Amino acid sequence: MRYKLFHKTKFTYQNMVTLSHNITRLKPADTKYQKLLEFNASATPSLHEFSTFKDIFGNSNCHLLIREAHSSLEV
């Protein structure tokens, strides 16, 4: 059985933000019980840096850095 999932989160700020660091934990685990075929992440405004890492529990994390002034963020 295959599933195609889509998730969108939107933040709206009261004031303009000029620098934004964010961590997401949205990537599904690839385990012996489920196989991850593809994963994509994007944000608006555009990302200055994007990196991934595993935390101490083995969860996938994505670090998002935005250096463009913005009043809302969509991931």
PDB file of N, CA and C in Angstrom:
ATOM      1  N   MET A   1       0.840  -1.163   0.000  1.00  0.00           N
ATOM      2  CA  MET A   1       0.000   0.000   0.000  1.00  0.00           C
ATOM      3  C   MET A   1       0.898   1.243   0.000  1.00  0.00           C
ATOM      4  N   ARG A   2       0.579   2.230  -0.825  1.00  0.00           N
ATOM      5  CA  ARG A   2       1.345   3.473  -0.908  1.00  0.00           C
ATOM      6  C   ARG A   2       0.470   4.645  -0.490  1.00  0.00           C
ATOM      7  N   TYR A   3       1.088   5.572   0.220  1.00  0.00           N
ATOM      8  CA  TYR A   3       0.420   6.800   0.625  1.00  0.00           C
ATOM      9  C   TYR A   3       1.217   7.985   0.108  1.00  0.00           C
ATOM     10  N   LYS A   4       0.511   9.020  -0.290  1.00  0.00           N
ATOM     11  CA  LYS A   4       1.145  10.278  -0.659  1.00  0.00           C
ATOM     12  C   LYS A   4       0.605  11.323   0.310  1.00  0.00           C
ATOM     13  N   LEU A   5       1.492  11.878   1.129  1.00  0.00           N
ATOM     14  CA  LEU A   5       1.083  12.823   2.160  1.00  0.00           C
ATOM     15  C   LEU A   5       1.561  14.223   1.825  1.00  0.00           C
ATOM     16  N   PHE A   6       0.770  15.204   2.198  1.00  0.00           N
ATOM     17  CA  PHE A   6       1.114  16.614   2.022  1.00  0.00           C
ATOM     18  C   PHE A   6       0.771  17.328   3.319  1.00  0.00           C
ATOM     19  N   HIS A   7       1.694  18.136   3.801  1.00  0.00           N
ATOM     20  CA  HIS A   7       1.475  18.901   5.033  1.00  0.00           C
ATOM     21  C   HIS A   7       1.912  20.334   4.803  1.00  0.00           C
ATOM     22  N   LYS A   8       1.111  21.291   5.272  1.00  0.00           N
ATOM     23  CA  LYS A   8       1.482  22.700   5.168  1.00  0.00           C
ATOM     24  C   LYS A   8       1.229  23.368   6.521  1.00  0.00           C
ATOM     25  N   THR A   9       2.230  24.085   6.996  1.00  0.00           N
ATOM     26  CA  THR A   9       2.108  24.879   8.217  1.00  0.00           C
ATOM     27  C   THR A   9       2.364  26.326   7.843  1.00  0.00           C
ATOM     28  N   LYS A  10       1.535  27.227   8.371  1.00  0.00           N
ATOM     29  CA  LYS A  10       1.720  28.651   8.090  1.00  0.00           C
ATOM     30  C   LYS A  10       1.774  29.420   9.405  1.00  0.00           C
ATOM     31  N   PHE A  11       2.807  30.246   9.528  1.00  0.00           N
ATOM     32  CA  PHE A  11       2.972  31.141  10.666  1.00  0.00           C
ATOM     33  C   PHE A  11       2.760  32.566  10.167  1.00  0.00           C
ATOM     34  N   THR A  12       2.032  33.366  10.924  1.00  0.00           N
ATOM     35  CA  THR A  12       1.859  34.782  10.616  1.00  0.00           C
ATOM     36  C   THR A  12       2.331  35.575  11.824  1.00  0.00           C
ATOM     37  N   TYR A  13       3.229  36.505  11.593  1.00  0.00           N
ATOM     38  CA  TYR A  13       3.835  37.287  12.666  1.00  0.00           C
ATOM     39  C   TYR A  13       3.194  38.665  12.760  1.00  0.00           C
ATOM     40  N   GLN A  14       3.178  39.230  13.954  1.00  0.00           N
ATOM     41  CA  GLN A  14       2.626  40.573  14.147  1.00  0.00           C
ATOM     42  C   GLN A  14       3.517  41.633  13.524  1.00  0.00           C
ATOM     43  N   ASN A  15       4.826  41.392  13.552  1.00  0.00           N
ATOM     44  CA  ASN A  15       5.791  42.335  13.000  1.00  0.00           C
ATOM     45  C   ASN A  15       6.647  41.636  11.946  1.00  0.00           C
ATOM     46  N   MET A  16       7.365  42.423  11.179  1.00  0.00           N
ATOM     47  CA  MET A  16       8.261  41.886  10.168  1.00  0.00           C
ATOM     48  C   MET A  16       9.422  41.155  10.841  1.00  0.00           C
ATOM     49  N   VAL A  17       9.763  39.992  10.325  1.00  0.00           N
ATOM     50  CA  VAL A  17      10.887  39.197  10.822  1.00  0.00           C
ATOM     51  C   VAL A  17      11.999  39.296   9.789  1.00  0.00           C
ATOM     52  N   THR A  18      13.224  39.566  10.245  1.00  0.00           N
ATOM     53  CA  THR A  18      14.327  39.732   9.291  1.00  0.00           C
ATOM     54  C   THR A  18      15.253  38.520   9.229  1.00  0.00           C
ATOM     55  N   LEU A  19      15.256  37.703  10.292  1.00  0.00           N
ATOM     56  CA  LEU A  19      16.089  36.502  10.338  1.00  0.00           C
ATOM     57  C   LEU A  19      15.306  35.424  11.067  1.00  0.00           C
ATOM     58  N   SER A  20      15.230  34.244  10.481  1.00  0.00           N
ATOM     59  CA  SER A  20      14.400  33.188  11.058  1.00  0.00           C
ATOM     60  C   SER A  20      15.120  31.843  10.994  1.00  0.00           C
ATOM     61  N   HIS A  21      15.335  31.228  12.164  1.00  0.00           N
ATOM     62  CA  HIS A  21      15.868  29.869  12.269  1.00  0.00           C
ATOM     63  C   HIS A  21      14.711  28.965  12.689  1.00  0.00           C
ATOM     64  N   ASN A  22      14.523  27.860  11.997  1.00  0.00           N
ATOM     65  CA  ASN A  22      13.426  26.945  12.314  1.00  0.00           C
ATOM     66  C   ASN A  22      13.899  25.501  12.220  1.00  0.00           C
ATOM     67  N   ILE A  23      13.326  24.648  13.046  1.00  0.00           N
ATOM     68  CA  ILE A  23      13.572  23.209  12.997  1.00  0.00           C
ATOM     69  C   ILE A  23      12.234  22.531  12.732  1.00  0.00           C
ATOM     70  N   THR A  24      12.192  21.672  11.725  1.00  0.00           N
ATOM     71  CA  THR A  24      10.986  20.892  11.466  1.00  0.00           C
ATOM     72  C   THR A  24      11.275  19.413  11.711  1.00  0.00           C
ATOM     73  N   ARG A  25      10.255  18.720  12.119  1.00  0.00           N
ATOM     74  CA  ARG A  25      10.335  17.266  12.306  1.00  0.00           C
ATOM     75  C   ARG A  25       9.172  16.653  11.545  1.00  0.00           C
ATOM     76  N   LEU A  26       9.218  16.785  10.244  1.00  0.00           N
ATOM     77  CA  LEU A  26       8.115  16.359   9.388  1.00  0.00           C
ATOM     78  C   LEU A  26       8.428  15.125   8.555  1.00  0.00           C
ATOM     79  N   LYS A  27       9.689  14.751   8.470  1.00  0.00           N
ATOM     80  CA  LYS A  27      10.074  13.635   7.606  1.00  0.00           C
ATOM     81  C   LYS A  27       9.687  12.306   8.250  1.00  0.00           C
ATOM     82  N   PRO A  28       8.878  11.488   7.566  1.00  0.00           N
ATOM     83  CA  PRO A  28       8.512  10.177   8.117  1.00  0.00           C
ATOM     84  C   PRO A  28       9.734   9.275   8.262  1.00  0.00           C
ATOM     85  N   ALA A  29       9.685   8.404   9.239  1.00  0.00           N
ATOM     86  CA  ALA A  29      10.789   7.476   9.483  1.00  0.00           C
ATOM     87  C   ALA A  29      10.810   6.385   8.415  1.00  0.00           C
ATOM     88  N   ASP A  30      12.000   5.960   8.063  1.00  0.00           N
ATOM     89  CA  ASP A  30      12.195   4.826   7.161  1.00  0.00           C
ATOM     90  C   ASP A  30      12.600   3.648   8.049  1.00  0.00           C
ATOM     91  N   THR A  31      11.689   2.723   8.256  1.00  0.00           N
ATOM     92  CA  THR A  31      11.923   1.620   9.194  1.00  0.00           C
ATOM     93  C   THR A  31      11.629   0.279   8.518  1.00  0.00           C
ATOM     94  N   LYS A  32      11.785  -0.792   9.277  1.00  0.00           N
ATOM     95  CA  LYS A  32      11.455  -2.109   8.722  1.00  0.00           C
ATOM     96  C   LYS A  32       9.941  -2.260   8.522  1.00  0.00           C
ATOM     97  N   TYR A  33       9.149  -1.379   9.132  1.00  0.00           N
ATOM     98  CA  TYR A  33       7.689  -1.435   9.006  1.00  0.00           C
ATOM     99  C   TYR A  33       7.139  -0.517   7.922  1.00  0.00           C
ATOM    100  N   GLN A  34       7.922   0.467   7.508  1.00  0.00           N
ATOM    101  CA  GLN A  34       7.492   1.369   6.438  1.00  0.00           C
ATOM    102  C   GLN A  34       8.713   1.839   5.668  1.00  0.00           C
ATOM    103  N   LYS A  35       8.549   2.007   4.364  1.00  0.00           N
ATOM    104  CA  LYS A  35       9.627   2.421   3.467  1.00  0.00           C
ATOM    105  C   LYS A  35       9.316   3.820   2.956  1.00  0.00           C
ATOM    106  N   LEU A  36      10.238   4.749   3.199  1.00  0.00           N
ATOM    107  CA  LEU A  36      10.087   6.108   2.693  1.00  0.00           C
ATOM    108  C   LEU A  36      10.640   6.157   1.275  1.00  0.00           C
ATOM    109  N   LEU A  37       9.793   6.460   0.311  1.00  0.00           N
ATOM    110  CA  LEU A  37      10.211   6.489  -1.089  1.00  0.00           C
ATOM    111  C   LEU A  37      10.739   7.857  -1.512  1.00  0.00           C
ATOM    112  N   GLU A  38      10.142   8.915  -0.964  1.00  0.00           N
ATOM    113  CA  GLU A  38      10.538  10.261  -1.367  1.00  0.00           C
ATOM    114  C   GLU A  38      10.128  11.241  -0.283  1.00  0.00           C
ATOM    115  N   PHE A  39      10.937  12.291  -0.114  1.00  0.00           N
ATOM    116  CA  PHE A  39      10.611  13.357   0.825  1.00  0.00           C
ATOM    117  C   PHE A  39      11.127  14.669   0.272  1.00  0.00           C
ATOM    118  N   ASN A  40      10.283  15.692   0.272  1.00  0.00           N
ATOM    119  CA  ASN A  40      10.653  17.034  -0.158  1.00  0.00           C
ATOM    120  C   ASN A  40      10.145  18.033   0.866  1.00  0.00           C
ATOM    121  N   ALA A  41      10.909  19.073   1.092  1.00  0.00           N
ATOM    122  CA  ALA A  41      10.485  20.160   1.970  1.00  0.00           C
ATOM    123  C   ALA A  41      10.797  21.476   1.286  1.00  0.00           C
ATOM    124  N   SER A  42       9.911  22.435   1.442  1.00  0.00           N
ATOM    125  CA  SER A  42      10.134  23.763   0.880  1.00  0.00           C
ATOM    126  C   SER A  42       9.497  24.791   1.806  1.00  0.00           C
ATOM    127  N   ALA A  43       9.864  26.051   1.584  1.00  0.00           N
ATOM    128  CA  ALA A  43       9.332  27.127   2.411  1.00  0.00           C
ATOM    129  C   ALA A  43       9.172  28.384   1.580  1.00  0.00           C
ATOM    130  N   THR A  44       8.251  29.226   2.024  1.00  0.00           N
ATOM    131  CA  THR A  44       8.056  30.557   1.451  1.00  0.00           C
ATOM    132  C   THR A  44       8.075  31.532   2.608  1.00  0.00           C
ATOM    133  N   PRO A  45       8.973  32.500   2.632  1.00  0.00           N
ATOM    134  CA  PRO A  45       9.933  32.872   1.594  1.00  0.00           C
ATOM    135  C   PRO A  45      11.023  31.822   1.416  1.00  0.00           C
ATOM    136  N   SER A  46      11.832  32.023   0.394  1.00  0.00           N
ATOM    137  CA  SER A  46      12.826  31.016   0.040  1.00  0.00           C
ATOM    138  C   SER A  46      13.887  30.849   1.133  1.00  0.00           C
ATOM    139  N   LEU A  47      14.452  29.669   1.173  1.00  0.00           N
ATOM    140  CA  LEU A  47      15.423  29.311   2.197  1.00  0.00           C
ATOM    141  C   LEU A  47      16.819  29.798   1.826  1.00  0.00           C
ATOM    142  N   HIS A  48      17.519  30.347   2.790  1.00  0.00           N
ATOM    143  CA  HIS A  48      18.925  30.715   2.597  1.00  0.00           C
ATOM    144  C   HIS A  48      19.806  29.487   2.822  1.00  0.00           C
ATOM    145  N   GLU A  49      19.461  28.702   3.852  1.00  0.00           N
ATOM    146  CA  GLU A  49      20.166  27.451   4.136  1.00  0.00           C
ATOM    147  C   GLU A  49      19.152  26.383   4.504  1.00  0.00           C
ATOM    148  N   PHE A  50      19.464  25.140   4.136  1.00  0.00           N
ATOM    149  CA  PHE A  50      18.639  23.982   4.481  1.00  0.00           C
ATOM    150  C   PHE A  50      19.588  22.841   4.803  1.00  0.00           C
ATOM    151  N   SER A  51      19.449  22.267   5.985  1.00  0.00           N
ATOM    152  CA  SER A  51      20.282  21.126   6.346  1.00  0.00           C
ATOM    153  C   SER A  51      19.447  20.132   7.147  1.00  0.00           C
ATOM    154  N   THR A  52      19.888  18.885   7.136  1.00  0.00           N
ATOM    155  CA  THR A  52      19.181  17.846   7.869  1.00  0.00           C
ATOM    156  C   THR A  52      20.134  17.197   8.874  1.00  0.00           C
ATOM    157  N   PHE A  53      19.567  16.709   9.956  1.00  0.00           N
ATOM    158  CA  PHE A  53      20.350  15.999  10.958  1.00  0.00           C
ATOM    159  C   PHE A  53      19.428  15.101  11.764  1.00  0.00           C
ATOM    160  N   LYS A  54      19.999  14.127  12.435  1.00  0.00           N
ATOM    161  CA  LYS A  54      19.244  13.242  13.313  1.00  0.00           C
ATOM    162  C   LYS A  54      19.487  13.654  14.753  1.00  0.00           C
ATOM    163  N   ASP A  55      18.424  13.667  15.552  1.00  0.00           N
ATOM    164  CA  ASP A  55      18.586  13.999  16.966  1.00  0.00           C
ATOM    165  C   ASP A  55      18.993  12.751  17.755  1.00  0.00           C
ATOM    166  N   ILE A  56      19.125  12.896  19.038  1.00  0.00           N
ATOM    167  CA  ILE A  56      19.601  11.810  19.885  1.00  0.00           C
ATOM    168  C   ILE A  56      18.671  10.589  19.864  1.00  0.00           C
ATOM    169  N   PHE A  57      17.396  10.803  19.499  1.00  0.00           N
ATOM    170  CA  PHE A  57      16.421   9.714  19.436  1.00  0.00           C
ATOM    171  C   PHE A  57      16.323   9.079  18.048  1.00  0.00           C
ATOM    172  N   GLY A  58      17.100   9.603  17.084  1.00  0.00           N
ATOM    173  CA  GLY A  58      17.083   9.077  15.725  1.00  0.00           C
ATOM    174  C   GLY A  58      16.053   9.718  14.822  1.00  0.00           C
ATOM    175  N   ASN A  59      15.393  10.777  15.300  1.00  0.00           N
ATOM    176  CA  ASN A  59      14.396  11.478  14.482  1.00  0.00           C
ATOM    177  C   ASN A  59      15.077  12.385  13.461  1.00  0.00           C
ATOM    178  N   SER A  60      14.522  12.438  12.256  1.00  0.00           N
ATOM    179  CA  SER A  60      15.037  13.338  11.226  1.00  0.00           C
ATOM    180  C   SER A  60      14.562  14.756  11.501  1.00  0.00           C
ATOM    181  N   ASN A  61      15.485  15.693  11.420  1.00  0.00           N
ATOM    182  CA  ASN A  61      15.194  17.110  11.636  1.00  0.00           C
ATOM    183  C   ASN A  61      15.696  17.897  10.440  1.00  0.00           C
ATOM    184  N   CYS A  62      14.993  18.949  10.106  1.00  0.00           N
ATOM    185  CA  CYS A  62      15.416  19.863   9.039  1.00  0.00           C
ATOM    186  C   CYS A  62      15.602  21.247   9.650  1.00  0.00           C
ATOM    187  N   HIS A  63      16.772  21.837   9.434  1.00  0.00           N
ATOM    188  CA  HIS A  63      17.032  23.199   9.882  1.00  0.00           C
ATOM    189  C   HIS A  63      16.801  24.133   8.698  1.00  0.00           C
ATOM    190  N   LEU A  64      15.963  25.143   8.906  1.00  0.00           N
ATOM    191  CA  LEU A  64      15.633  26.115   7.866  1.00  0.00           C
ATOM    192  C   LEU A  64      16.121  27.486   8.309  1.00  0.00           C
ATOM    193  N   LEU A  65      16.882  28.156   7.472  1.00  0.00           N
ATOM    194  CA  LEU A  65      17.351  29.511   7.754  1.00  0.00           C
ATOM    195  C   LEU A  65      16.823  30.431   6.674  1.00  0.00           C
ATOM    196  N   ILE A  66      16.133  31.479   7.103  1.00  0.00           N
ATOM    197  CA  ILE A  66      15.573  32.468   6.178  1.00  0.00           C
ATOM    198  C   ILE A  66      16.168  33.817   6.537  1.00  0.00           C
ATOM    199  N   ARG A  67      16.779  34.459   5.570  1.00  0.00           N
ATOM    200  CA  ARG A  67      17.409  35.769   5.790  1.00  0.00           C
ATOM    201  C   ARG A  67      16.706  36.886   5.041  1.00  0.00           C
ATOM    202  N   GLU A  68      15.511  36.635   4.622  1.00  0.00           N
ATOM    203  CA  GLU A  68      14.711  37.613   3.879  1.00  0.00           C
ATOM    204  C   GLU A  68      13.623  38.128   4.817  1.00  0.00           C
ATOM    205  N   ALA A  69      13.402  39.427   4.830  1.00  0.00           N
ATOM    206  CA  ALA A  69      12.352  39.995   5.673  1.00  0.00           C
ATOM    207  C   ALA A  69      10.991  39.401   5.263  1.00  0.00           C
ATOM    208  N   HIS A  70      10.209  38.997   6.273  1.00  0.00           N
ATOM    209  CA  HIS A  70       8.922  38.386   5.994  1.00  0.00           C
ATOM    210  C   HIS A  70       7.973  38.560   7.164  1.00  0.00           C
ATOM    211  N   SER A  71       6.678  38.549   6.873  1.00  0.00           N
ATOM    212  CA  SER A  71       5.661  38.659   7.917  1.00  0.00           C
ATOM    213  C   SER A  71       4.891  37.360   8.080  1.00  0.00           C
ATOM    214  N   SER A  72       5.179  36.377   7.211  1.00  0.00           N
ATOM    215  CA  SER A  72       4.579  35.056   7.342  1.00  0.00           C
ATOM    216  C   SER A  72       5.549  34.015   6.796  1.00  0.00           C
ATOM    217  N   LEU A  73       5.353  32.799   7.236  1.00  0.00           N
ATOM    218  CA  LEU A  73       6.215  31.690   6.815  1.00  0.00           C
ATOM    219  C   LEU A  73       5.349  30.472   6.535  1.00  0.00           C
ATOM    220  N   GLU A  74       5.515  29.884   5.359  1.00  0.00           N
ATOM    221  CA  GLU A  74       4.829  28.649   4.992  1.00  0.00           C
ATOM    222  C   GLU A  74       5.870  27.565   4.793  1.00  0.00           C
ATOM    223  N   VAL A  75       5.672  26.437   5.439  1.00  0.00           N
ATOM    224  CA  VAL A  75       6.575  25.294   5.303  1.00  0.00           C
ATOM    225  C   VAL A  75       5.771  24.135   4.770  1.00  0.00           C
TER     226      VAL A  75
END
